[in-house]
PDB file of all heavy atoms in Angstrom:
ATOM      1  N   GLY A   1      43.200 204.558 202.634  1.00  0.00           N
ATOM      2  CA  GLY A   1      42.604 203.483 201.865  1.00  0.00           C
ATOM      3  C   GLY A   1      43.364 202.151 202.126  1.00  0.00           C
ATOM      4  O   GLY A   1      42.930 201.064 202.213  1.00  0.00           O
ATOM      5  N   TYR A   2      44.775 202.173 202.148  1.00  0.00           N
ATOM      6  CA  TYR A   2      45.661 201.156 202.338  1.00  0.00           C
ATOM      7  C   TYR A   2      45.336 200.599 203.761  1.00  0.00           C
ATOM      8  O   TYR A   2      45.344 199.302 203.944  1.00  0.00           O
ATOM      9  CB  TYR A   2      47.021 201.639 202.210  1.00  0.00           C
ATOM     10  CG  TYR A   2      48.027 200.516 202.753  1.00  0.00           C
ATOM     11  CD1 TYR A   2      48.151 199.281 202.044  1.00  0.00           C
ATOM     12  CD2 TYR A   2      49.054 200.850 203.712  1.00  0.00           C
ATOM     13  CE1 TYR A   2      49.063 198.247 202.494  1.00  0.00           C
ATOM     14  CE2 TYR A   2      49.865 199.876 204.112  1.00  0.00           C
ATOM     15  CZ  TYR A   2      49.928 198.627 203.475  1.00  0.00           C
ATOM     16  OH  TYR A   2      50.831 197.686 203.954  1.00  0.00           O
ATOM     17  N   ALA A   3      45.212 201.313 204.812  1.00  0.00           N
ATOM     18  CA  ALA A   3      44.964 201.016 206.108  1.00  0.00           C
ATOM     19  C   ALA A   3      43.660 200.132 206.285  1.00  0.00           C
ATOM     20  O   ALA A   3      43.556 199.078 206.842  1.00  0.00           O
ATOM     21  CB  ALA A   3      44.984 202.159 207.120  1.00  0.00           C
ATOM     22  N   LEU A   4      42.562 200.670 205.641  1.00  0.00           N
ATOM     23  CA  LEU A   4      41.246 200.051 205.627  1.00  0.00           C
ATOM     24  C   LEU A   4      41.273 198.703 205.023  1.00  0.00           C
ATOM     25  O   LEU A   4      40.638 197.806 205.279  1.00  0.00           O
ATOM     26  CB  LEU A   4      40.201 201.096 205.135  1.00  0.00           C
ATOM     27  CG  LEU A   4      39.880 202.254 205.949  1.00  0.00           C
ATOM     28  CD1 LEU A   4      38.844 203.095 205.177  1.00  0.00           C
ATOM     29  CD2 LEU A   4      39.281 201.826 207.331  1.00  0.00           C
ATOM     30  N   ALA A   5      42.121 198.749 203.869  1.00  0.00           N
ATOM     31  CA  ALA A   5      42.042 197.491 202.923  1.00  0.00           C
ATOM     32  C   ALA A   5      42.898 196.391 203.416  1.00  0.00           C
ATOM     33  O   ALA A   5      42.497 195.179 203.327  1.00  0.00           O
ATOM     34  CB  ALA A   5      42.492 197.816 201.461  1.00  0.00           C
ATOM     35  N   LYS A   6      44.071 196.695 204.009  1.00  0.00           N
ATOM     36  CA  LYS A   6      44.980 195.745 204.314  1.00  0.00           C
ATOM     37  C   LYS A   6      45.345 195.576 205.807  1.00  0.00           C
ATOM     38  O   LYS A   6      45.727 194.503 206.220  1.00  0.00           O
ATOM     39  CB  LYS A   6      46.356 195.896 203.483  1.00  0.00           C
ATOM     40  CG  LYS A   6      46.213 195.740 202.041  1.00  0.00           C
ATOM     41  CD  LYS A   6      45.694 194.377 201.638  1.00  0.00           C
ATOM     42  CE  LYS A   6      45.623 194.108 200.158  1.00  0.00           C
ATOM     43  NZ  LYS A   6      44.922 192.815 199.894  1.00  0.00           N
ATOM     44  N   LEU A   7      45.401 196.663 206.549  1.00  0.00           N
ATOM     45  CA  LEU A   7      45.743 196.616 207.898  1.00  0.00           C
ATOM     46  C   LEU A   7      44.529 196.307 208.822  1.00  0.00           C
ATOM     47  O   LEU A   7      44.835 195.984 210.098  1.00  0.00           O
ATOM     48  CB  LEU A   7      46.396 197.984 208.354  1.00  0.00           C
ATOM     49  CG  LEU A   7      47.642 198.473 207.449  1.00  0.00           C
ATOM     50  CD1 LEU A   7      48.205 199.678 207.972  1.00  0.00           C
ATOM     51  CD2 LEU A   7      48.682 197.299 207.402  1.00  0.00           C
ATOM     52  N   ARG A   8      43.371 196.515 208.454  1.00  0.00           N
ATOM     53  CA  ARG A   8      42.155 196.200 209.107  1.00  0.00           C
ATOM     54  C   ARG A   8      42.032 196.732 210.551  1.00  0.00           C
ATOM     55  O   ARG A   8      42.167 196.013 211.467  1.00  0.00           O
ATOM     56  CB  ARG A   8      41.999 194.597 209.232  1.00  0.00           C
ATOM     57  CG  ARG A   8      42.159 193.884 207.880  1.00  0.00           C
ATOM     58  CD  ARG A   8      40.895 194.144 207.067  1.00  0.00           C
ATOM     59  NE  ARG A   8      40.977 193.317 205.807  1.00  0.00           N
ATOM     60  CZ  ARG A   8      40.081 193.353 204.934  1.00  0.00           C
ATOM     61  NH1 ARG A   8      38.995 194.209 204.977  1.00  0.00           N
ATOM     62  NH2 ARG A   8      40.117 192.677 203.784  1.00  0.00           N
ATOM     63  N   PRO A   9      42.144 198.068 210.596  1.00  0.00           N
ATOM     64  CA  PRO A   9      42.094 198.628 211.963  1.00  0.00           C
ATOM     65  C   PRO A   9      40.863 198.501 212.577  1.00  0.00           C
ATOM     66  O   PRO A   9      39.784 198.217 212.042  1.00  0.00           O
ATOM     67  CB  PRO A   9      42.349 200.120 211.662  1.00  0.00           C
ATOM     68  CG  PRO A   9      41.921 200.345 210.406  1.00  0.00           C
ATOM     69  CD  PRO A   9      42.064 199.109 209.653  1.00  0.00           C
ATOM     70  N   ARG A  10      40.766 198.722 213.942  1.00  0.00           N
ATOM     71  CA  ARG A  10      39.515 198.611 214.657  1.00  0.00           C
ATOM     72  C   ARG A  10      38.646 199.773 214.306  1.00  0.00           C
ATOM     73  O   ARG A  10      39.125 200.918 214.061  1.00  0.00           O
ATOM     74  CB  ARG A  10      39.840 198.735 216.257  1.00  0.00           C
ATOM     75  CG  ARG A  10      40.168 197.376 216.847  1.00  0.00           C
ATOM     76  CD  ARG A  10      40.157 197.506 218.381  1.00  0.00           C
ATOM     77  NE  ARG A  10      40.396 196.271 219.086  1.00  0.00           N
ATOM     78  CZ  ARG A  10      40.419 196.091 220.324  1.00  0.00           C
ATOM     79  NH1 ARG A  10      40.096 197.153 221.202  1.00  0.00           N
ATOM     80  NH2 ARG A  10      40.592 194.829 220.907  1.00  0.00           N
ATOM     81  N   GLY A  11      37.405 199.448 214.163  1.00  0.00           N
ATOM     82  CA  GLY A  11      36.516 200.563 213.806  1.00  0.00           C
ATOM     83  C   GLY A  11      36.495 200.876 212.363  1.00  0.00           C
ATOM     84  O   GLY A  11      35.946 201.895 211.906  1.00  0.00           O
ATOM     85  N   GLY A  12      37.055 199.986 211.505  1.00  0.00           N
ATOM     86  CA  GLY A  12      37.119 200.273 209.989  1.00  0.00           C
ATOM     87  C   GLY A  12      35.833 200.401 209.428  1.00  0.00           C
ATOM     88  O   GLY A  12      35.578 201.218 208.599  1.00  0.00           O
ATOM     89  N   GLY A  13      34.815 199.427 209.817  1.00  0.00           N
ATOM     90  CA  GLY A  13      33.577 199.465 209.366  1.00  0.00           C
ATOM     91  C   GLY A  13      32.803 200.773 209.591  1.00  0.00           C
ATOM     92  O   GLY A  13      32.094 201.263 208.688  1.00  0.00           O
ATOM     93  N   VAL A  14      33.042 201.302 210.893  1.00  0.00           N
ATOM     94  CA  VAL A  14      32.417 202.475 211.214  1.00  0.00           C
ATOM     95  C   VAL A  14      32.927 203.682 210.458  1.00  0.00           C
ATOM     96  O   VAL A  14      32.188 204.587 209.998  1.00  0.00           O
ATOM     97  CB  VAL A  14      32.538 202.775 212.745  1.00  0.00           C
ATOM     98  CG1 VAL A  14      31.958 204.189 213.214  1.00  0.00           C
ATOM     99  CG2 VAL A  14      31.831 201.626 213.513  1.00  0.00           C
ATOM    100  N   LEU A  15      34.250 203.617 210.271  1.00  0.00           N
ATOM    101  CA  LEU A  15      34.858 204.799 209.443  1.00  0.00           C
ATOM    102  C   LEU A  15      34.314 204.720 208.068  1.00  0.00           C
ATOM    103  O   LEU A  15      34.160 205.693 207.462  1.00  0.00           O
ATOM    104  CB  LEU A  15      36.330 204.612 209.501  1.00  0.00           C
ATOM    105  CG  LEU A  15      37.114 205.611 208.701  1.00  0.00           C
ATOM    106  CD1 LEU A  15      36.863 207.014 209.280  1.00  0.00           C
ATOM    107  CD2 LEU A  15      38.641 205.235 208.809  1.00  0.00           C
ATOM    108  N   GLY A  16      34.154 203.560 207.478  1.00  0.00           N
ATOM    109  CA  GLY A  16      33.565 203.501 205.959  1.00  0.00           C
ATOM    110  C   GLY A  16      32.270 204.053 206.020  1.00  0.00           C
ATOM    111  O   GLY A  16      31.907 204.731 204.942  1.00  0.00           O
ATOM    112  N   PHE A  17      31.388 203.869 207.027  1.00  0.00           N
ATOM    113  CA  PHE A  17      30.048 204.235 207.153  1.00  0.00           C
ATOM    114  C   PHE A  17      30.132 205.847 207.244  1.00  0.00           C
ATOM    115  O   PHE A  17      29.370 206.563 206.480  1.00  0.00           O
ATOM    116  CB  PHE A  17      29.342 203.632 208.299  1.00  0.00           C
ATOM    117  CG  PHE A  17      27.907 204.407 208.388  1.00  0.00           C
ATOM    118  CD1 PHE A  17      26.825 203.994 207.646  1.00  0.00           C
ATOM    119  CD2 PHE A  17      27.767 205.405 209.422  1.00  0.00           C
ATOM    120  CE1 PHE A  17      25.596 204.645 207.818  1.00  0.00           C
ATOM    121  CE2 PHE A  17      26.523 205.950 209.646  1.00  0.00           C
ATOM    122  CZ  PHE A  17      25.415 205.576 208.909  1.00  0.00           C
ATOM    123  N   LEU A  18      31.081 206.363 208.021  1.00  0.00           N
ATOM    124  CA  LEU A  18      31.082 207.823 208.194  1.00  0.00           C
ATOM    125  C   LEU A  18      31.585 208.487 206.821  1.00  0.00           C
ATOM    126  O   LEU A  18      31.225 209.650 206.551  1.00  0.00           O
ATOM    127  CB  LEU A  18      32.174 208.083 209.247  1.00  0.00           C
ATOM    128  CG  LEU A  18      31.616 207.711 210.689  1.00  0.00           C
ATOM    129  CD1 LEU A  18      32.742 207.951 211.772  1.00  0.00           C
ATOM    130  CD2 LEU A  18      30.379 208.462 211.041  1.00  0.00           C
ATOM    131  N   LEU A  19      32.412 207.799 206.144  1.00  0.00           N
ATOM    132  CA  LEU A  19      32.953 208.310 204.849  1.00  0.00           C
ATOM    133  C   LEU A  19      31.665 208.469 203.929  1.00  0.00           C
ATOM    134  O   LEU A  19      31.648 209.458 203.180  1.00  0.00           O
ATOM    135  CB  LEU A  19      33.977 207.529 204.192  1.00  0.00           C
ATOM    136  CG  LEU A  19      35.365 207.501 204.966  1.00  0.00           C
ATOM    137  CD1 LEU A  19      36.243 206.478 204.404  1.00  0.00           C
ATOM    138  CD2 LEU A  19      35.956 208.931 204.878  1.00  0.00           C
ATOM    139  N   LEU A  20      30.785 207.435 203.826  1.00  0.00           N
ATOM    140  CA  LEU A  20      29.695 207.516 203.069  1.00  0.00           C
ATOM    141  C   LEU A  20      28.792 208.640 203.458  1.00  0.00           C
ATOM    142  O   LEU A  20      28.125 209.359 202.725  1.00  0.00           O
ATOM    143  CB  LEU A  20      28.923 206.138 203.046  1.00  0.00           C
ATOM    144  CG  LEU A  20      29.566 205.031 202.298  1.00  0.00           C
ATOM    145  CD1 LEU A  20      28.824 203.772 202.571  1.00  0.00           C
ATOM    146  CD2 LEU A  20      29.588 205.294 200.936  1.00  0.00           C
ATOM    147  N   ALA A  21      28.596 208.734 204.869  1.00  0.00           N
ATOM    148  CA  ALA A  21      27.716 209.823 205.306  1.00  0.00           C
ATOM    149  C   ALA A  21      28.283 211.212 204.921  1.00  0.00           C
ATOM    150  O   ALA A  21      27.447 212.179 204.778  1.00  0.00           O
ATOM    151  CB  ALA A  21      27.528 209.646 206.810  1.00  0.00           C
ATOM    152  N   ALA A  22      29.564 211.317 205.039  1.00  0.00           N
ATOM    153  CA  ALA A  22      30.274 212.632 204.691  1.00  0.00           C
ATOM    154  C   ALA A  22      29.870 213.152 203.338  1.00  0.00           C
ATOM    155  O   ALA A  22      29.727 214.262 203.063  1.00  0.00           O
ATOM    156  CB  ALA A  22      31.726 212.534 205.022  1.00  0.00           C
ATOM    157  N   GLN A  23      29.667 212.244 202.421  1.00  0.00           N
ATOM    158  CA  GLN A  23      29.397 212.665 201.017  1.00  0.00           C
ATOM    159  C   GLN A  23      27.962 213.179 200.908  1.00  0.00           C
ATOM    160  O   GLN A  23      27.538 213.731 199.966  1.00  0.00           O
ATOM    161  CB  GLN A  23      29.560 211.513 200.094  1.00  0.00           C
ATOM    162  CG  GLN A  23      31.032 210.979 200.182  1.00  0.00           C
ATOM    163  CD  GLN A  23      31.245 209.942 199.081  1.00  0.00           C
ATOM    164  OE1 GLN A  23      31.439 210.218 197.907  1.00  0.00           O
ATOM    165  NE2 GLN A  23      31.346 208.644 199.639  1.00  0.00           N
ATOM    166  N   MET A  24      27.183 212.867 201.938  1.00  0.00           N
ATOM    167  CA  MET A  24      25.757 213.381 201.838  1.00  0.00           C
ATOM    168  C   MET A  24      25.589 214.726 202.495  1.00  0.00           C
ATOM    169  O   MET A  24      24.423 215.341 202.448  1.00  0.00           O
ATOM    170  CB  MET A  24      24.863 212.400 202.597  1.00  0.00           C
ATOM    171  CG  MET A  24      24.934 210.868 202.071  1.00  0.00           C
ATOM    172  SD  MET A  24      23.937 209.717 202.966  1.00  0.00           S
ATOM    173  CE  MET A  24      24.412 208.186 202.175  1.00  0.00           C
ATOM    174  N   ILE A  25      26.630 215.329 203.107  1.00  0.00           N
ATOM    175  CA  ILE A  25      26.413 216.667 203.771  1.00  0.00           C
ATOM    176  C   ILE A  25      26.446 217.709 202.693  1.00  0.00           C
ATOM    177  O   ILE A  25      27.270 217.796 201.736  1.00  0.00           O
ATOM    178  CB  ILE A  25      27.555 216.942 204.662  1.00  0.00           C
ATOM    179  CG1 ILE A  25      27.634 215.847 205.750  1.00  0.00           C
ATOM    180  CG2 ILE A  25      27.377 218.306 205.319  1.00  0.00           C
ATOM    181  CD1 ILE A  25      28.783 216.036 206.658  1.00  0.00           C
ATOM    182  N   PRO A  26      25.394 218.500 202.570  1.00  0.00           N
ATOM    183  CA  PRO A  26      25.398 219.561 201.581  1.00  0.00           C
ATOM    184  C   PRO A  26      26.609 220.525 201.635  1.00  0.00           C
ATOM    185  O   PRO A  26      27.114 220.817 202.678  1.00  0.00           O
ATOM    186  CB  PRO A  26      24.095 220.397 201.873  1.00  0.00           C
ATOM    187  CG  PRO A  26      23.221 219.456 202.593  1.00  0.00           C
ATOM    188  CD  PRO A  26      24.193 218.532 203.486  1.00  0.00           C
ATOM    189  N   GLY A  27      26.924 221.049 200.447  1.00  0.00           N
ATOM    190  CA  GLY A  27      28.245 221.714 200.425  1.00  0.00           C
ATOM    191  C   GLY A  27      28.172 223.167 201.062  1.00  0.00           C
ATOM    192  O   GLY A  27      29.055 223.607 201.684  1.00  0.00           O
ATOM    193  N   ILE A  28      26.868 223.758 201.036  1.00  0.00           N
ATOM    194  CA  ILE A  28      26.759 225.033 201.613  1.00  0.00           C
ATOM    195  C   ILE A  28      26.881 225.032 203.138  1.00  0.00           C
ATOM    196  O   ILE A  28      27.317 225.976 203.729  1.00  0.00           O
ATOM    197  CB  ILE A  28      25.289 225.643 201.166  1.00  0.00           C
ATOM    198  CG1 ILE A  28      25.181 226.971 201.598  1.00  0.00           C
ATOM    199  CG2 ILE A  28      24.218 224.764 201.676  1.00  0.00           C
ATOM    200  CD1 ILE A  28      26.261 227.956 200.948  1.00  0.00           C
ATOM    201  N   ILE A  29      26.380 223.744 203.757  1.00  0.00           N
ATOM    202  CA  ILE A  29      26.564 223.644 205.181  1.00  0.00           C
ATOM    203  C   ILE A  29      28.092 223.586 205.599  1.00  0.00           C
ATOM    204  O   ILE A  29      28.547 224.255 206.468  1.00  0.00           O
ATOM    205  CB  ILE A  29      25.859 222.416 205.696  1.00  0.00           C
ATOM    206  CG1 ILE A  29      24.336 222.653 205.441  1.00  0.00           C
ATOM    207  CG2 ILE A  29      26.214 222.242 207.056  1.00  0.00           C
ATOM    208  CD1 ILE A  29      23.502 221.433 205.982  1.00  0.00           C
ATOM    209  N   MET A  30      28.836 222.816 204.699  1.00  0.00           N
ATOM    210  CA  MET A  30      30.224 222.844 205.002  1.00  0.00           C
ATOM    211  C   MET A  30      30.915 224.102 204.733  1.00  0.00           C
ATOM    212  O   MET A  30      31.843 224.589 205.566  1.00  0.00           O
ATOM    213  CB  MET A  30      30.819 221.704 204.055  1.00  0.00           C
ATOM    214  CG  MET A  30      30.367 220.257 204.339  1.00  0.00           C
ATOM    215  SD  MET A  30      31.176 219.046 203.290  1.00  0.00           S
ATOM    216  CE  MET A  30      32.781 219.115 203.740  1.00  0.00           C
ATOM    217  N   ALA A  31      30.437 224.865 203.826  1.00  0.00           N
ATOM    218  CA  ALA A  31      31.150 226.153 203.381  1.00  0.00           C
ATOM    219  C   ALA A  31      30.817 227.124 204.623  1.00  0.00           C
ATOM    220  O   ALA A  31      31.737 227.863 205.014  1.00  0.00           O
ATOM    221  CB  ALA A  31      30.414 226.651 202.213  1.00  0.00           C
ATOM    222  N   MET A  32      29.615 227.022 205.279  1.00  0.00           N
ATOM    223  CA  MET A  32      29.373 227.989 206.362  1.00  0.00           C
ATOM    224  C   MET A  32      30.249 227.614 207.565  1.00  0.00           C
ATOM    225  O   MET A  32      30.836 228.491 208.358  1.00  0.00           O
ATOM    226  CB  MET A  32      27.956 227.866 206.767  1.00  0.00           C
ATOM    227  CG  MET A  32      26.932 228.521 205.799  1.00  0.00           C
ATOM    228  SD  MET A  32      27.163 230.206 205.516  1.00  0.00           S
ATOM    229  CE  MET A  32      27.995 230.241 203.980  1.00  0.00           C
TER     230      MET A  32
END
């Protein structure tokens, strides 16, 4: 979070989108 907020790395926007997408994956799929 510190890196995304203050260090502004390359691809930070893409990483934020991936974090949002990761929360939409059903738990049972991850469990398998």
